[in-house]
C-alpha atoms as a PDB file:
ATOM      1  CA  GLU A   1       0.000   0.000   0.000  1.00  0.00           C
ATOM      2  CA  PHE A   2       1.082   3.571  -0.523  1.00  0.00           C
ATOM      3  CA  ASP A   3       0.011   6.986   0.647  1.00  0.00           C
ATOM      4  CA  SER A   4      -1.518   8.837  -2.328  1.00  0.00           C
ATOM      5  CA  LYS A   5      -0.800  12.243  -0.786  1.00  0.00           C
ATOM      6  CA  LYS A   6       2.887  11.442  -0.552  1.00  0.00           C
ATOM      7  CA  THR A   7       2.866   9.933  -4.031  1.00  0.00           C
ATOM      8  CA  GLU A   8       1.255  12.748  -5.983  1.00  0.00           C
ATOM      9  CA  ASN A   9       4.349  14.972  -6.008  1.00  0.00           C
ATOM     10  CA  VAL A  10       6.957  12.225  -6.458  1.00  0.00           C
ATOM     11  CA  GLU A  11       7.169  12.460 -10.239  1.00  0.00           C
ATOM     12  CA  GLY A  12       7.340  16.234 -10.294  1.00  0.00           C
ATOM     13  CA  ASN A  13      10.013  16.550  -7.622  1.00  0.00           C
ATOM     14  CA  ILE A  14      12.284  13.569  -8.209  1.00  0.00           C
ATOM     15  CA  LYS A  15      14.429  15.197 -10.900  1.00  0.00           C
ATOM     16  CA  ASP A  16      14.938  18.324  -8.779  1.00  0.00           C
ATOM     17  CA  ASP A  17      15.753  16.200  -5.745  1.00  0.00           C
ATOM     18  CA  PHE A  18      18.550  14.505  -7.639  1.00  0.00           C
ATOM     19  CA  THR A  19      20.133  17.863  -8.302  1.00  0.00           C
ATOM     20  CA  ASN A  20      20.728  18.070  -4.544  1.00  0.00           C
ATOM     21  CA  ILE A  21      21.369  14.414  -3.676  1.00  0.00           C
ATOM     22  CA  GLY A  22      24.785  13.021  -3.005  1.00  0.00           C
ATOM     23  CA  LEU A  23      27.211  11.975  -0.372  1.00  0.00           C
ATOM     24  CA  ARG A  24      28.735  13.974   2.451  1.00  0.00           C
ATOM     25  CA  ASN A  25      32.420  14.668   1.887  1.00  0.00           C
ATOM     26  CA  GLY A  26      31.797  14.033  -1.816  1.00  0.00           C
ATOM     27  CA  VAL A  27      28.475  15.552  -2.832  1.00  0.00           C
ATOM     28  CA  GLU A  28      25.854  17.187  -0.614  1.00  0.00           C
ATOM     29  CA  ILE A  29      22.897  15.237   0.781  1.00  0.00           C
ATOM     30  CA  ASN A  30      19.425  16.688   0.323  1.00  0.00           C
ATOM     31  CA  SER A  31      18.249  17.909   3.738  1.00  0.00           C
ATOM     32  CA  ASP A  32      14.760  16.441   3.109  1.00  0.00           C
ATOM     33  CA  LEU A  33      16.303  12.971   3.275  1.00  0.00           C
ATOM     34  CA  GLU A  34      18.082  13.388   6.601  1.00  0.00           C
ATOM     35  CA  GLU A  35      15.798  10.730   8.120  1.00  0.00           C
ATOM     36  CA  ILE A  36      17.714   8.128   6.132  1.00  0.00           C
ATOM     37  CA  ASN A  37      20.268   6.524   8.401  1.00  0.00           C
ATOM     38  CA  VAL A  38      23.717   5.662   7.069  1.00  0.00           C
ATOM     39  CA  LYS A  39      25.599   3.239   9.291  1.00  0.00           C
ATOM     40  CA  THR A  40      29.208   4.225   9.836  1.00  0.00           C
ATOM     41  CA  GLU A  41      30.470   1.678  12.341  1.00  0.00           C
ATOM     42  CA  ASN A  42      33.622  -0.351  11.664  1.00  0.00           C
ATOM     43  CA  PHE A  43      35.068   2.348   9.374  1.00  0.00           C
ATOM     44  CA  SER A  44      38.346   2.711  11.247  1.00  0.00           C
ATOM     45  CA  SER A  45      40.127   0.129   9.079  1.00  0.00           C
ATOM     46  CA  LEU A  46      39.064   1.750   5.794  1.00  0.00           C
ATOM     47  CA  SER A  47      40.668   4.576   3.851  1.00  0.00           C
ATOM     48  CA  THR A  48      38.727   7.808   3.351  1.00  0.00           C
ATOM     49  CA  THR A  49      37.837   6.809  -0.214  1.00  0.00           C
ATOM     50  CA  GLU A  50      36.665   3.368   0.876  1.00  0.00           C
ATOM     51  CA  GLN A  51      34.577   4.915   3.646  1.00  0.00           C
ATOM     52  CA  ARG A  52      32.863   7.172   1.129  1.00  0.00           C
ATOM     53  CA  GLN A  53      32.186   4.237  -1.173  1.00  0.00           C
ATOM     54  CA  VAL A  54      30.659   2.175   1.626  1.00  0.00           C
ATOM     55  CA  MET A  55      28.569   5.131   2.811  1.00  0.00           C
ATOM     56  CA  LEU A  56      27.349   5.758  -0.726  1.00  0.00           C
ATOM     57  CA  GLN A  57      26.281   2.131  -1.183  1.00  0.00           C
ATOM     58  CA  GLN A  58      24.405   2.197   2.129  1.00  0.00           C
ATOM     59  CA  TYR A  59      22.799   5.513   1.255  1.00  0.00           C
ATOM     60  CA  ILE A  60      21.644   4.218  -2.135  1.00  0.00           C
ATOM     61  CA  GLN A  61      20.011   1.152  -0.569  1.00  0.00           C
ATOM     62  CA  GLU A  62      18.202   3.266   2.029  1.00  0.00           C
ATOM     63  CA  PHE A  63      17.099   5.817  -0.551  1.00  0.00           C
ATOM     64  CA  LYS A  64      15.792   3.051  -2.847  1.00  0.00           C
ATOM     65  CA  ARG A  65      13.556   1.743  -0.069  1.00  0.00           C
ATOM     66  CA  TYR A  66      12.429   5.266   0.782  1.00  0.00           C
ATOM     67  CA  LEU A  67      11.629   6.231  -2.813  1.00  0.00           C
ATOM     68  CA  TRP A  68       9.949   3.115  -4.208  1.00  0.00           C
ATOM     69  CA  SER A  69       7.739   2.679  -1.138  1.00  0.00           C
ATOM     70  CA  TYR A  70       5.839   5.790  -2.279  1.00  0.00           C
ATOM     71  CA  VAL A  71       5.593   5.032  -6.011  1.00  0.00           C
ATOM     72  CA  PRO A  72       2.648   3.073  -7.502  1.00  0.00           C
ATOM     73  CA  TRP A  73       3.516   0.511 -10.181  1.00  0.00           C
ATOM     74  CA  TYR A  74       2.036   2.551 -13.041  1.00  0.00           C
ATOM     75  CA  LEU A  75       4.565   5.351 -12.420  1.00  0.00           C
ATOM     76  CA  TYR A  76       7.681   3.155 -12.311  1.00  0.00           C
ATOM     77  CA  GLY A  77       8.755   3.914 -15.886  1.00  0.00           C
ATOM     78  CA  ARG A  78       8.247   7.667 -15.631  1.00  0.00           C
ATOM     79  CA  ILE A  79      10.051   7.869 -12.296  1.00  0.00           C
ATOM     80  CA  VAL A  80      13.023   5.981 -13.768  1.00  0.00           C
ATOM     81  CA  GLU A  81      13.196   8.571 -16.559  1.00  0.00           C
ATOM     82  CA  ARG A  82      13.196  11.422 -14.033  1.00  0.00           C
ATOM     83  CA  ILE A  83      15.872   9.742 -11.897  1.00  0.00           C
ATOM     84  CA  LEU A  84      18.193   9.274 -14.875  1.00  0.00           C
ATOM     85  CA  ALA A  85      17.606  12.837 -16.076  1.00  0.00           C
ATOM     86  CA  GLY A  86      18.445  14.130 -12.580  1.00  0.00           C
ATOM     87  CA  ILE A  87      21.623  12.059 -12.417  1.00  0.00           C
ATOM     88  CA  ILE A  88      22.807  13.394 -15.768  1.00  0.00           C
ATOM     89  CA  ASP A  89      22.075  16.981 -14.676  1.00  0.00           C
ATOM     90  CA  CYS A  90      24.146  16.390 -11.529  1.00  0.00           C
ATOM     91  CA  ILE A  91      27.046  14.923 -13.497  1.00  0.00           C
ATOM     92  CA  GLU A  92      27.046  17.861 -15.888  1.00  0.00           C
ATOM     93  CA  GLU A  93      26.970  20.286 -12.965  1.00  0.00           C
ATOM     94  CA  ILE A  94      29.935  18.535 -11.341  1.00  0.00           C
ATOM     95  CA  LYS A  95      31.849  18.505 -14.638  1.00  0.00           C
ATOM     96  CA  SER A  96      31.256  22.239 -15.046  1.00  0.00           C
ATOM     97  CA  THR A  97      33.209  22.879 -11.832  1.00  0.00           C
ATOM     98  CA  TRP A  98      36.416  21.402 -13.250  1.00  0.00           C
ATOM     99  CA  LYS A  99      39.315  23.770 -13.747  1.00  0.00           C
ATOM    100  CA  LEU A 100      43.097  23.715 -13.654  1.00  0.00           C
ATOM    101  CA  GLY A 101      44.142  22.787 -10.151  1.00  0.00           C
ATOM    102  CA  THR A 102      41.021  20.723  -9.448  1.00  0.00           C
ATOM    103  CA  ASN A 103      41.657  17.866  -7.032  1.00  0.00           C
ATOM    104  CA  MET A 104      41.223  15.030  -9.537  1.00  0.00           C
ATOM    105  CA  PRO A 105      40.749  12.149  -7.048  1.00  0.00           C
ATOM    106  CA  VAL A 106      37.913  14.049  -5.357  1.00  0.00           C
ATOM    107  CA  PHE A 107      36.466  15.205  -8.690  1.00  0.00           C
ATOM    108  CA  THR A 108      36.515  11.635 -10.059  1.00  0.00           C
ATOM    109  CA  LEU A 109      34.916  10.311  -6.880  1.00  0.00           C
ATOM    110  CA  LYS A 110      32.080  12.825  -7.186  1.00  0.00           C
ATOM    111  CA  VAL A 111      31.353  11.800 -10.791  1.00  0.00           C
ATOM    112  CA  TRP A 112      31.581   8.112  -9.860  1.00  0.00           C
ATOM    113  CA  ALA A 113      29.191   8.679  -6.952  1.00  0.00           C
ATOM    114  CA  MET A 114      26.550  10.195  -9.211  1.00  0.00           C
ATOM    115  CA  VAL A 115      26.932   7.445 -11.829  1.00  0.00           C
ATOM    116  CA  LYS A 116      26.540   4.927  -9.009  1.00  0.00           C
ATOM    117  CA  MET A 117      23.232   6.567  -8.071  1.00  0.00           C
ATOM    118  CA  ALA A 118      21.777   4.856 -11.155  1.00  0.00           C
ATOM    119  CA  ASP A 119      21.591   1.759  -8.928  1.00  0.00           C
ATOM    120  CA  ILE A 120      18.413   3.311  -7.553  1.00  0.00           C
ATOM    121  CA  ILE A 121      16.489   2.231 -10.666  1.00  0.00           C
ATOM    122  CA  GLN A 122      17.309  -1.430  -9.997  1.00  0.00           C
ATOM    123  CA  LEU A 123      13.727  -2.470  -9.371  1.00  0.00           C
ATOM    124  CA  LYS A 124      12.782  -6.082 -10.073  1.00  0.00           C
ATOM    125  CA  GLN A 125       9.168  -5.078 -10.859  1.00  0.00           C
ATOM    126  CA  LEU A 126      10.249  -2.740 -13.664  1.00  0.00           C
ATOM    127  CA  ARG A 127       8.649  -3.740 -16.994  1.00  0.00           C
ATOM    128  CA  VAL A 128      10.440  -1.526 -19.534  1.00  0.00           C
ATOM    129  CA  LEU A 129      14.154  -0.683 -19.769  1.00  0.00           C
ATOM    130  CA  GLN A 130      15.374   1.305 -22.764  1.00  0.00           C
ATOM    131  CA  ILE A 131      19.138   1.289 -22.267  1.00  0.00           C
ATOM    132  CA  ASP A 132      19.557   2.448 -25.872  1.00  0.00           C
ATOM    133  CA  ALA A 133      17.941   5.767 -24.886  1.00  0.00           C
ATOM    134  CA  MET A 134      20.214   6.314 -21.881  1.00  0.00           C
ATOM    135  CA  PRO A 135      23.345   8.499 -21.880  1.00  0.00           C
ATOM    136  CA  LYS A 136      26.515   6.498 -22.545  1.00  0.00           C
ATOM    137  CA  MET A 137      28.002   7.461 -19.192  1.00  0.00           C
ATOM    138  CA  ILE A 138      25.532   5.320 -17.238  1.00  0.00           C
ATOM    139  CA  ARG A 139      24.850   2.469 -19.696  1.00  0.00           C
ATOM    140  CA  SER A 140      27.679   0.248 -18.446  1.00  0.00           C
ATOM    141  CA  ASN A 141      26.445   0.562 -14.868  1.00  0.00           C
ATOM    142  CA  ILE A 142      22.981  -0.630 -15.938  1.00  0.00           C
ATOM    143  CA  LEU A 143      24.313  -3.433 -18.156  1.00  0.00           C
ATOM    144  CA  ARG A 144      26.494  -4.827 -15.373  1.00  0.00           C
ATOM    145  CA  ASN A 145      23.364  -5.146 -13.235  1.00  0.00           C
ATOM    146  CA  LEU A 146      20.936  -6.369 -15.880  1.00  0.00           C
ATOM    147  CA  ASP A 147      20.126  -9.413 -13.758  1.00  0.00           C
ATOM    148  CA  LYS A 148      18.414  -7.045 -11.284  1.00  0.00           C
ATOM    149  CA  PHE A 149      15.507  -6.618 -13.755  1.00  0.00           C
ATOM    150  CA  PRO A 150      13.994 -10.133 -14.046  1.00  0.00           C
ATOM    151  CA  GLN A 151      10.436  -8.986 -14.799  1.00  0.00           C
ATOM    152  CA  LEU A 152      11.222  -6.878 -17.858  1.00  0.00           C
ATOM    153  CA  ARG A 153       8.803  -7.168 -20.751  1.00  0.00           C
ATOM    154  CA  LYS A 154      10.650  -4.756 -23.028  1.00  0.00           C
ATOM    155  CA  LEU A 155      14.427  -4.348 -23.315  1.00  0.00           C
ATOM    156  CA  GLY A 156      16.262  -2.022 -25.683  1.00  0.00           C
ATOM    157  CA  LEU A 157      20.032  -2.233 -26.224  1.00  0.00           C
ATOM    158  CA  THR A 158      22.335  -0.400 -28.604  1.00  0.00           C
ATOM    159  CA  THR A 159      25.089  -2.962 -28.877  1.00  0.00           C
ATOM    160  CA  GLY A 160      26.304  -6.293 -27.537  1.00  0.00           C
ATOM    161  CA  SER A 161      29.453  -4.457 -26.390  1.00  0.00           C
ATOM    162  CA  SER A 162      32.274  -5.850 -24.291  1.00  0.00           C
ATOM    163  CA  LEU A 163      29.791  -6.354 -21.468  1.00  0.00           C
ATOM    164  CA  PHE A 164      27.941  -9.135 -23.266  1.00  0.00           C
ATOM    165  CA  PRO A 165      28.551 -11.675 -20.406  1.00  0.00           C
ATOM    166  CA  TYR A 166      26.438  -9.436 -18.147  1.00  0.00           C
ATOM    167  CA  ILE A 167      23.778  -9.119 -20.849  1.00  0.00           C
ATOM    168  CA  ILE A 168      23.601 -12.897 -21.244  1.00  0.00           C
ATOM    169  CA  ARG A 169      23.419 -13.465 -17.484  1.00  0.00           C
ATOM    170  CA  GLY A 170      20.588 -10.972 -17.148  1.00  0.00           C
ATOM    171  CA  MET A 171      18.554 -12.075 -20.155  1.00  0.00           C
ATOM    172  CA  LYS A 172      18.466 -15.735 -19.153  1.00  0.00           C
ATOM    173  CA  ASN A 173      16.114 -14.875 -16.287  1.00  0.00           C
ATOM    174  CA  MET A 174      13.825 -12.501 -18.205  1.00  0.00           C
ATOM    175  CA  HIS A 175      11.006 -14.987 -18.699  1.00  0.00           C
ATOM    176  CA  ASN A 176       8.406 -12.265 -19.337  1.00  0.00           C
ATOM    177  CA  LEU A 177      10.334 -10.596 -22.172  1.00  0.00           C
ATOM    178  CA  VAL A 178       8.137  -9.953 -25.229  1.00  0.00           C
ATOM    179  CA  SER A 179      10.082  -7.148 -26.920  1.00  0.00           C
ATOM    180  CA  PHE A 180      13.853  -7.068 -27.454  1.00  0.00           C
ATOM    181  CA  SER A 181      15.909  -4.653 -29.549  1.00  0.00           C
ATOM    182  CA  LEU A 182      19.638  -4.809 -30.273  1.00  0.00           C
ATOM    183  CA  LYS A 183      20.927  -2.381 -32.865  1.00  0.00           C
ATOM    184  CA  TYR A 184      24.221  -4.110 -33.759  1.00  0.00           C
ATOM    185  CA  ASN A 185      27.026  -6.431 -32.614  1.00  0.00           C
ATOM    186  CA  CYS A 186      24.620  -9.240 -31.776  1.00  0.00           C
ATOM    187  CA  ARG A 187      26.412 -12.453 -30.754  1.00  0.00           C
ATOM    188  CA  GLN A 188      25.249 -16.030 -30.992  1.00  0.00           C
ATOM    189  CA  GLU A 189      25.386 -16.236 -27.191  1.00  0.00           C
ATOM    190  CA  ILE A 190      22.887 -13.404 -26.873  1.00  0.00           C
ATOM    191  CA  LEU A 191      20.441 -15.159 -29.201  1.00  0.00           C
ATOM    192  CA  GLU A 192      20.854 -18.339 -27.190  1.00  0.00           C
ATOM    193  CA  ALA A 193      20.187 -16.445 -23.945  1.00  0.00           C
ATOM    194  CA  LEU A 194      17.084 -14.902 -25.510  1.00  0.00           C
ATOM    195  CA  PHE A 195      15.879 -18.361 -26.513  1.00  0.00           C
ATOM    196  CA  ALA A 196      16.685 -19.784 -23.070  1.00  0.00           C
ATOM    197  CA  SER A 197      14.648 -17.077 -21.346  1.00  0.00           C
ATOM    198  CA  LYS A 198      11.472 -18.514 -22.841  1.00  0.00           C
ATOM    199  CA  PHE A 199      11.917 -21.876 -21.092  1.00  0.00           C
END
């Protein structure tokens, strides 16, 4: 069940929220999401970069639960579009801050953190995933986690790419797939995985 009052503004605000979302010490966290708890125990043995990576992963998991608990199934596709658009806006904003003398390790970590935020769309109930319409910067992240979308009915890819083992692994479990598009570089293994998904 979901609260319709909390749901009605989700689609309109999600893209703007992503302009403010991020990770402390890397990117800024939206103050509206302060109720999300990020566990920080047992960090003493990790480097600063590793701590940030662990915190980001925990934050993403908490935010996923927070977000999708308020979204009805018929808005899944549109919310995914808004999330991805917000992530790209954030990446472009971060890139615009680069200049000579920029701390490259920190800059790279910020970009990586925002690309990693695409993990939020990993929803097993999602029915449509048009990777061919996504910006190149986040496609590999989605392809590596294609097995997180077992209930897809429509999948669009641009190429088999060097990540074809992940594509094959994901497609084998897509038993509800009725529409599949691959623009070029199709391999025999991909066709076999597509065939195997129907049994």
